Structures are given as structure tokens and as C-alpha cells.
Amino acid sequence: MSEAPPLGCSGTLLGVGVGPGDPELLTLKAARVIQTAPVIAVPCAGADGDSYALQIVQELLRPEQLVIKLHFPMVRDLAMRRRHRRQAAETVAGYLARGQDVAFLTEGDPLLYSTFVYVLEQMPDGVPVEIVPGVSSYHAAAAEAHLSLVQAGQRLAILPATNENLDDLAAILDLFDTVIVFKIKHNLERVLCALDELGLTEGAVLVERASHPMGRVVRNVRGLQKGGVHYLSLLIVSIDGEVRDAG
């Protein structure tokens, strides 16, 4: 990692949440920061792939702004992932050291399952940082499905559908009133089988691409077992066995 820039010479690292997909869900602050930052950084799964975050803000960008794509490969090789995270952080730090502010755009919120954190944790000491919260996908999903997530003393759990979490899924479902499962695509059938065994399938709703024109809300999740879902999908499970409709 590069050395810390001299005091007063560093640009500011701006972690900007751009929301779940609908450009109208950008906050006013996010829009202002995006329009004024000289450098826009976006994470991409491919070396020169598309960026969903960039698509969301495309209409706000000015021709003179520099857009850099940072490669965060979605592979199992942890060493490779760490190497690319380090390279991304070094790229960003280089612009900051030249006194340029860098707005790192991330879908949803910068501090919830976000690649921004990988860059933030490798910044040199002394780099100014500002974080602009964004609307998270689970907030947009609940709004789209008209679901009340929790009320009064109820408890909410948020977890990715990793093997470790799925091994403990029954215990987690026993402790919380509502469970939101992220990154459901590759483990959908396993999660649905677990819900069936626990008698919780009727309380589950899948939301695909929340706030996107091509998104959908699926209340009969059993019908999903033989079909695929989009990568940007999550499952909301109500433990009381019924969907709490807020509409």
C-alpha cells in the first residue's frame, strides 16, 4: 500500500450509496457529490465489465469527469480477491495523493455488503473520508412488496446465503421475527427446502431487482424451485408464518 499523502495534499475518499436501482431513490446529497467529484470510481465484476452503480447515475455525470472501473472478480480464490482489492485501493489512493476527490459508487449503501469497505480498510492513514448513505436493497424490496419488516420489540436478521449461514439457518430463524437473505441466487433451492421443513414457506417473499423496471415480487416462492432468479434478488421471511402486508 502506498504511503500516506502529505498533510493537506490528499483528496477526499467519498463512499457514495446510489440505492438499489431507481435513480429517483438517490439522495440529494449523493446526487450533489456525484456531480461535483472529479473522479468517479465504480466496482465491476469483470475486468472491463458493466457497472450497475454507474448505470444508475449515468444521467448525472459530466463529460469532464474521469470514470475508473475497479475490478472485483467474483471468484472463490480468496487470494485473488484480496489481490484485486489491494490493487483497487492503490488505484484510488493514487488519485487521492494528487489532491483529487474520488467518489466510489456502490449499489445500495456503502457499509452494507459493499466493495467500498475493501477499499476503505486499505486507505493510508490521514486520508479524509466521507460516507454518503444510500437506500439499501432490502428497504426497497420491502417497499415494493408492501411488507412490514419489524414492529415494536420484533427482531430483524440480515444474512447472505453462504454455506455457513445456511448450516445455521434453522437456529437463526428461531431467534428472529423476520430474516432477510441476500445473495440467494445460487442457494435458492437449499433455502426453500429448509423453509419447507420448518413450515415457513408461506411467510416468504422473493424480490428480484428491487425498484428496477424489470424487477418482480414473487409471493408463491415454491414456483421458483425449477426456475432461476436474477443475481440481484433477496428473500424476506416472516417467522410468524404470514406476510405482514403494510399496504
Protein backbone atom coordinates (compact mmCIF):
# COMPACT_ATOMS: atom_id res chain seq x y z
CA MET A 1 0.00 0.00 0.00
CA SER A 2 1.24 3.50 -0.76
CA GLU A 3 2.45 5.83 1.98
CA ALA A 4 0.10 8.43 3.43
CA PRO A 5 0.00 11.65 1.38
CA PRO A 6 1.42 14.81 2.95
CA LEU A 7 -0.97 16.60 5.28
CA GLY A 8 -3.31 18.86 3.34
CA CYS A 9 -2.44 17.31 -0.03
CA SER A 10 -4.94 14.48 -0.09
CA GLY A 11 -8.23 14.44 -1.86
CA THR A 12 -11.26 13.05 -0.05
CA LEU A 13 -12.47 9.49 -0.47
CA LEU A 14 -16.25 9.65 -0.86
CA GLY A 15 -18.18 6.43 -0.36
CA VAL A 16 -21.50 7.07 -2.08
CA GLY A 17 -24.52 4.79 -1.89
CA VAL A 18 -26.55 5.08 -5.09
CA GLY A 19 -29.51 3.00 -3.96
CA PRO A 20 -30.98 -0.21 -5.35
CA GLY A 21 -31.52 0.80 -8.97
CA ASP A 22 -34.14 3.52 -9.42
CA PRO A 23 -32.25 6.82 -10.00
CA GLU A 24 -35.04 8.66 -8.17
CA LEU A 25 -34.00 6.86 -4.97
CA LEU A 26 -30.67 8.69 -4.95
CA THR A 27 -30.41 11.08 -2.03
CA LEU A 28 -29.94 14.78 -2.76
CA LYS A 29 -26.51 14.62 -1.15
CA ALA A 30 -25.46 11.64 -3.25
CA ALA A 31 -26.52 13.45 -6.43
CA ARG A 32 -24.55 16.56 -5.45
CA VAL A 33 -21.41 14.61 -4.57
CA ILE A 34 -21.57 12.59 -7.79
CA GLN A 35 -21.95 15.71 -9.92
CA THR A 36 -19.04 17.55 -8.30
CA ALA A 37 -16.40 14.85 -7.75
CA PRO A 38 -13.63 14.98 -10.39
CA VAL A 39 -13.06 11.21 -10.25
CA ILE A 40 -15.81 8.56 -10.18
CA ALA A 41 -14.79 5.03 -9.21
CA VAL A 42 -17.09 2.06 -9.76
CA PRO A 43 -16.69 -1.64 -8.94
CA CYS A 44 -17.01 -4.19 -11.75
CA ALA A 45 -17.12 -7.97 -11.63
CA GLY A 46 -15.31 -8.17 -14.98
CA ALA A 47 -12.00 -6.55 -15.96
CA ASP A 48 -13.84 -4.04 -18.15
CA GLY A 49 -17.39 -5.07 -17.42
CA ASP A 50 -20.60 -3.20 -16.83
CA SER A 51 -21.31 -1.41 -13.58
CA TYR A 52 -24.86 -1.34 -12.25
CA ALA A 53 -23.93 1.58 -9.97
CA LEU A 54 -22.67 3.52 -12.99
CA GLN A 55 -25.87 2.84 -14.91
CA ILE A 56 -27.92 4.29 -12.06
CA VAL A 57 -26.09 7.64 -12.10
CA GLN A 58 -25.30 7.90 -15.81
CA GLU A 59 -27.53 10.94 -16.38
CA LEU A 60 -25.75 12.90 -13.64
CA LEU A 61 -22.22 12.58 -14.99
CA ARG A 62 -20.38 15.39 -16.78
CA PRO A 63 -18.05 14.86 -19.78
CA GLU A 64 -15.00 16.20 -17.91
CA GLN A 65 -15.30 13.70 -15.07
CA LEU A 66 -12.93 10.75 -15.05
CA VAL A 67 -14.61 7.37 -14.58
CA ILE A 68 -12.40 4.50 -13.44
CA LYS A 69 -13.56 0.89 -13.29
CA LEU A 70 -12.13 -1.21 -10.48
CA HIS A 71 -12.05 -4.97 -10.94
CA PHE A 72 -13.51 -7.02 -8.08
CA PRO A 73 -13.71 -10.57 -9.50
CA MET A 74 -16.43 -12.85 -8.16
CA VAL A 75 -14.27 -15.95 -7.69
CA ARG A 76 -13.74 -18.45 -4.87
CA ASP A 77 -9.99 -17.83 -4.78
CA LEU A 78 -9.60 -15.61 -1.69
CA ALA A 79 -6.00 -14.69 -2.53
CA MET A 80 -7.08 -13.44 -5.95
CA ARG A 81 -9.93 -11.42 -4.46
CA ARG A 82 -7.60 -9.83 -1.93
CA ARG A 83 -5.05 -9.02 -4.62
CA HIS A 84 -7.64 -7.17 -6.70
CA ARG A 85 -8.98 -5.35 -3.63
CA ARG A 86 -5.46 -4.16 -2.88
CA GLN A 87 -4.95 -3.05 -6.48
CA ALA A 88 -8.26 -1.15 -6.42
CA ALA A 89 -7.28 0.61 -3.19
CA GLU A 90 -3.89 1.55 -4.62
CA THR A 91 -5.52 2.98 -7.75
CA VAL A 92 -7.87 5.11 -5.67
CA ALA A 93 -5.07 6.19 -3.32
CA GLY A 94 -3.05 7.38 -6.30
CA TYR A 95 -5.74 9.89 -7.30
CA LEU A 96 -6.22 10.99 -3.70
CA ALA A 97 -2.48 11.60 -3.32
CA ARG A 98 -2.70 14.02 -6.26
CA GLY A 99 -5.33 16.00 -4.40
CA GLN A 100 -8.34 14.74 -6.35
CA ASP A 101 -11.55 13.74 -4.61
CA VAL A 102 -12.73 10.24 -5.58
CA ALA A 103 -16.40 9.24 -5.34
CA PHE A 104 -16.59 5.47 -5.01
CA LEU A 105 -20.10 4.47 -6.08
CA THR A 106 -21.77 1.42 -4.62
CA GLU A 107 -25.23 -0.07 -5.07
CA GLY A 108 -27.40 0.26 -2.01
CA ASP A 109 -25.45 1.54 0.99
CA PRO A 110 -21.64 1.82 1.21
CA LEU A 111 -21.48 -0.05 4.53
CA LEU A 112 -23.77 -3.00 3.83
CA TYR A 113 -22.19 -5.89 1.86
CA SER A 114 -20.28 -3.31 -0.16
CA THR A 115 -16.99 -3.38 -2.07
CA PHE A 116 -16.35 0.14 -0.77
CA VAL A 117 -15.31 -1.31 2.61
CA TYR A 118 -12.49 -3.28 0.97
CA VAL A 119 -11.05 -0.02 -0.37
CA LEU A 120 -11.69 1.93 2.81
CA GLU A 121 -9.84 -0.53 5.06
CA GLN A 122 -6.67 -0.24 2.95
CA MET A 123 -6.50 3.55 2.74
CA PRO A 124 -3.31 5.18 4.09
CA ASP A 125 -3.58 6.95 7.43
CA GLY A 126 -4.64 10.58 7.15
CA VAL A 127 -6.84 10.28 4.08
CA PRO A 128 -10.08 12.26 4.58
CA VAL A 129 -13.17 10.07 4.22
CA GLU A 130 -16.83 10.97 3.83
CA ILE A 131 -19.59 8.39 3.55
CA VAL A 132 -22.96 9.15 1.97
CA PRO A 133 -25.59 6.57 3.00
CA GLY A 134 -27.87 5.08 0.38
CA VAL A 135 -31.21 3.30 0.24
CA SER A 136 -30.50 -0.39 0.80
CA SER A 137 -31.97 -3.06 -1.44
CA TYR A 138 -33.91 -4.65 1.41
CA HIS A 139 -35.61 -1.33 2.17
CA ALA A 140 -36.62 -1.01 -1.48
CA ALA A 141 -37.70 -4.67 -1.59
CA ALA A 142 -39.94 -4.31 1.45
CA ALA A 143 -41.45 -1.14 -0.01
CA GLU A 144 -42.08 -2.82 -3.35
CA ALA A 145 -43.71 -5.83 -1.71
CA HIS A 146 -45.64 -3.69 0.81
CA LEU A 147 -44.13 -5.65 3.69
CA SER A 148 -43.70 -4.51 7.26
CA LEU A 149 -40.29 -5.84 8.28
CA VAL A 150 -40.49 -5.48 12.07
CA GLN A 151 -42.61 -3.70 14.64
CA ALA A 152 -42.31 -2.82 18.35
CA GLY A 153 -39.97 -5.36 20.01
CA GLN A 154 -39.56 -7.67 17.00
CA ARG A 155 -36.10 -8.64 15.76
CA LEU A 156 -34.64 -8.48 12.26
CA ALA A 157 -31.74 -10.55 10.89
CA ILE A 158 -29.86 -9.88 7.65
CA LEU A 159 -27.55 -12.54 6.23
CA PRO A 160 -26.03 -13.69 2.96
CA ALA A 161 -26.88 -17.18 1.70
CA THR A 162 -23.44 -18.64 2.41
CA ASN A 163 -22.92 -22.29 3.30
CA GLU A 164 -22.05 -21.34 6.88
CA ASN A 165 -25.24 -19.33 7.36
CA LEU A 166 -27.39 -21.97 5.72
CA ASP A 167 -25.99 -24.60 8.09
CA ASP A 168 -27.28 -22.44 10.96
CA LEU A 169 -30.45 -21.29 9.19
CA ALA A 170 -32.90 -23.14 11.45
CA ALA A 171 -31.29 -21.65 14.56
CA ILE A 172 -31.30 -18.16 13.03
CA LEU A 173 -34.96 -18.46 12.04
CA ASP A 174 -35.76 -19.49 15.59
CA LEU A 175 -34.21 -16.33 17.05
CA PHE A 176 -35.67 -13.62 14.81
CA ASP A 177 -39.10 -12.44 13.68
CA THR A 178 -38.01 -11.51 10.16
CA VAL A 179 -34.99 -12.78 8.25
CA ILE A 180 -33.68 -11.23 5.04
CA VAL A 181 -31.48 -13.50 2.95
CA PHE A 182 -29.16 -11.80 0.45
CA LYS A 183 -27.30 -13.41 -2.47
CA ILE A 184 -29.97 -16.04 -2.80
CA LYS A 185 -29.46 -17.00 -6.45
CA HIS A 186 -27.04 -19.91 -6.10
CA ASN A 187 -28.58 -21.40 -2.95
CA LEU A 188 -32.26 -20.76 -3.60
CA GLU A 189 -33.36 -24.40 -3.66
CA ARG A 190 -31.50 -25.21 -0.46
CA VAL A 191 -33.12 -22.26 1.34
CA LEU A 192 -36.59 -23.15 0.06
CA CYS A 193 -36.18 -26.77 1.17
CA ALA A 194 -35.18 -25.57 4.63
CA LEU A 195 -38.21 -23.27 4.81
CA ASP A 196 -40.49 -26.13 3.77
CA GLU A 197 -39.09 -28.35 6.51
CA LEU A 198 -39.70 -25.60 9.07
CA GLY A 199 -43.18 -24.75 7.78
CA LEU A 200 -42.17 -21.19 6.89
CA THR A 201 -42.60 -21.16 3.12
CA GLU A 202 -45.91 -19.29 3.27
CA GLY A 203 -44.19 -16.43 5.07
CA ALA A 204 -41.50 -15.96 2.39
CA VAL A 205 -41.44 -13.41 -0.40
CA LEU A 206 -38.75 -13.09 -3.06
CA VAL A 207 -37.97 -9.68 -4.54
CA GLU A 208 -35.89 -9.56 -7.69
CA ARG A 209 -34.14 -6.33 -8.77
CA ALA A 210 -36.00 -4.10 -6.30
CA SER A 211 -37.02 -0.71 -7.78
CA HIS A 212 -35.89 -1.75 -11.28
CA PRO A 213 -38.46 -1.61 -14.14
CA MET A 214 -37.75 -5.30 -14.84
CA GLY A 215 -38.00 -6.30 -11.19
CA ARG A 216 -40.66 -8.55 -9.71
CA VAL A 217 -42.20 -9.64 -6.42
CA VAL A 218 -42.85 -13.37 -6.04
CA ARG A 219 -45.17 -14.43 -3.21
CA ASN A 220 -45.52 -18.08 -4.27
CA VAL A 221 -41.87 -18.95 -3.82
CA ARG A 222 -42.42 -22.68 -4.31
CA GLY A 223 -42.76 -21.99 -8.02
CA LEU A 224 -39.18 -20.74 -8.09
CA GLN A 225 -37.55 -24.08 -7.35
CA LYS A 226 -37.37 -25.07 -11.01
CA GLY A 227 -36.51 -21.64 -12.36
CA GLY A 228 -33.62 -19.26 -11.94
CA VAL A 229 -33.67 -15.81 -10.40
CA HIS A 230 -31.62 -12.71 -11.08
CA TYR A 231 -28.39 -12.19 -9.12
CA LEU A 232 -29.90 -9.07 -7.52
CA SER A 233 -32.55 -10.99 -5.60
CA LEU A 234 -33.31 -11.38 -1.91
CA LEU A 235 -35.75 -13.34 0.21
CA ILE A 236 -37.79 -11.87 3.06
CA VAL A 237 -39.02 -14.48 5.53
CA SER A 238 -41.66 -13.68 8.15
CA ILE A 239 -41.27 -16.15 11.00
CA ASP A 240 -44.87 -15.85 12.22
CA GLY A 241 -45.85 -17.73 9.08
CA GLU A 242 -47.71 -14.96 7.35
CA VAL A 243 -46.73 -11.97 5.31
CA ARG A 244 -47.26 -8.73 7.21
CA ASP A 245 -48.72 -6.53 4.48
CA ALA A 246 -48.19 -2.83 5.11
CA GLY A 247 -50.24 -1.77 2.10
